[in-house]
Protein backbone atom coordinates (compact mmCIF):
# COMPACT_ATOMS: atom_id res chain seq x y z
CA MET A 1 29.46 -42.22 -85.25
CA ASN A 2 28.12 -39.35 -83.15
CA ASP A 3 30.53 -36.40 -83.08
CA LYS A 4 28.40 -34.12 -80.92
CA THR A 5 29.97 -32.85 -77.72
CA LEU A 6 28.23 -33.17 -74.38
CA PHE A 7 27.30 -29.49 -74.57
CA GLU A 8 25.87 -29.80 -78.09
CA LYS A 9 23.68 -32.61 -76.75
CA ILE A 10 22.52 -30.37 -73.88
CA ILE A 11 21.85 -27.52 -76.31
CA GLY A 12 19.87 -29.90 -78.52
CA GLY A 13 17.82 -31.21 -75.60
CA GLU A 14 19.23 -34.73 -75.93
CA ILE A 15 20.73 -34.65 -72.42
CA PRO A 16 18.97 -33.02 -69.46
CA ALA A 17 20.60 -30.16 -67.60
CA GLU A 18 19.54 -27.63 -64.99
CA ILE A 19 19.35 -24.69 -67.38
CA LEU A 20 19.50 -21.26 -65.77
CA TYR A 21 19.54 -19.15 -68.94
CA GLU A 22 19.02 -19.64 -72.64
CA ASP A 23 18.66 -17.37 -75.64
CA GLU A 24 19.37 -17.68 -79.36
CA VAL A 25 23.17 -17.52 -78.93
CA ALA A 26 24.01 -18.96 -75.49
CA ILE A 27 23.02 -21.36 -72.77
CA ALA A 28 23.94 -21.50 -69.06
CA PHE A 29 23.47 -24.45 -66.75
CA LYS A 30 24.67 -25.85 -63.44
CA ASP A 31 27.82 -27.96 -63.58
CA ILE A 32 27.10 -31.62 -62.77
CA ASN A 33 30.44 -31.86 -60.92
CA PRO A 34 30.55 -28.53 -59.06
CA GLN A 35 33.87 -27.25 -57.74
CA ALA A 36 32.18 -24.58 -55.59
CA PRO A 37 28.73 -24.11 -54.05
CA PHE A 38 27.90 -21.96 -57.10
CA HIS A 39 29.28 -23.43 -60.34
CA VAL A 40 27.60 -22.46 -63.59
CA LEU A 41 28.78 -23.13 -67.14
CA VAL A 42 28.02 -20.60 -69.87
CA CYS A 43 28.61 -21.63 -73.45
CA PRO A 44 27.77 -20.42 -76.91
CA LYS A 45 25.34 -22.41 -79.00
CA THR A 46 27.80 -22.05 -81.88
CA PRO A 47 30.32 -24.89 -81.47
CA ILE A 48 33.60 -23.02 -80.98
CA LYS A 49 36.12 -25.69 -79.98
CA MET A 50 38.10 -23.52 -77.55
CA LEU A 51 38.87 -19.88 -76.83
CA SER A 52 42.00 -19.92 -78.99
CA LYS A 53 39.87 -21.02 -81.95
CA SER A 54 37.56 -18.00 -81.65
CA THR A 55 37.79 -15.23 -84.23
CA VAL A 56 37.35 -11.49 -84.37
CA GLU A 57 33.78 -12.17 -85.49
CA ASP A 58 33.18 -13.93 -82.14
CA GLU A 59 34.05 -10.88 -80.01
CA LYS A 60 30.46 -9.79 -79.39
CA LEU A 61 29.47 -13.36 -78.53
CA LEU A 62 32.39 -13.70 -76.10
CA GLY A 63 31.33 -10.49 -74.37
CA SER A 64 27.77 -11.78 -74.14
CA LEU A 65 28.97 -14.95 -72.41
CA MET A 66 30.73 -12.86 -69.76
CA ARG A 67 27.68 -10.65 -69.25
CA ILE A 68 25.31 -13.63 -68.99
CA GLY A 69 27.46 -15.37 -66.38
CA SER A 70 27.90 -12.18 -64.38
CA SER A 71 24.14 -11.60 -64.37
CA ILE A 72 23.45 -15.16 -63.18
CA ALA A 73 26.06 -14.79 -60.41
CA GLU A 74 24.51 -11.49 -59.32
CA LYS A 75 21.01 -13.02 -59.17
CA ALA A 76 22.44 -15.83 -57.02
CA GLY A 77 23.87 -13.29 -54.55
CA PHE A 78 27.46 -13.22 -55.80
CA LYS A 79 27.51 -9.83 -57.57
CA ASP A 80 31.09 -8.83 -56.78
CA LYS A 81 32.52 -12.14 -55.58
CA PHE A 82 32.89 -14.78 -58.28
CA ARG A 83 35.66 -16.33 -60.35
CA VAL A 84 35.58 -16.93 -64.11
CA VAL A 85 37.65 -19.77 -65.56
CA VAL A 86 38.23 -20.77 -69.17
CA ASN A 87 40.29 -23.90 -69.75
CA ASN A 88 41.87 -23.72 -73.20
CA GLY A 89 43.13 -27.10 -74.42
CA ALA A 90 43.68 -30.48 -72.81
CA GLU A 91 46.88 -29.41 -71.05
CA ALA A 92 44.94 -26.57 -69.41
CA GLY A 93 42.27 -28.95 -68.13
CA GLN A 94 39.68 -28.65 -70.90
CA THR A 95 37.71 -31.89 -71.16
CA VAL A 96 34.75 -30.85 -73.31
CA PHE A 97 35.91 -29.27 -76.55
CA HIS A 98 33.10 -26.75 -76.87
CA LEU A 99 34.04 -23.34 -75.46
CA HIS A 100 32.55 -22.78 -72.02
CA LEU A 101 33.11 -20.39 -69.14
CA HIS A 102 33.01 -21.58 -65.55
CA PHE A 103 31.50 -19.10 -63.08
CA LEU A 104 32.33 -20.14 -59.52
CA ALA A 105 31.43 -18.63 -56.15
CA GLY A 106 30.39 -19.45 -52.62
CA ARG A 107 33.80 -20.37 -51.19
CA ASP A 108 37.24 -18.83 -50.81
CA PHE A 109 39.62 -19.21 -53.76
CA ALA A 110 43.39 -19.35 -53.56
CA TRP A 111 45.87 -17.58 -55.80
CA PRO A 112 47.53 -18.71 -57.89
CA PRO A 113 44.83 -21.14 -59.04
CA GLY A 114 45.53 -24.76 -59.89
């Protein structure tokens, strides 16, 4: 039985993705089902199941994920006009249980979301 998540398979090179950024701790790639003209996922290479499962030791990593996504959005022309979404748990819409941040831009967003 293969227990790897979709994102672990992308990180391991088993599944192709349009990778926009990668370093030793994180990876960013275009969402295959975009909800906006710009929709990038940023996730840690360490398999943290969801945000609520992160620890104090993950704080630097979590900050890095935000910085990486912001930098990618800026390079795409969305410096001060993007939304960041983290779905935490199935009831919040999380479908892949490997922490990931959605960076979305390129259209108007309503408030409240959802």
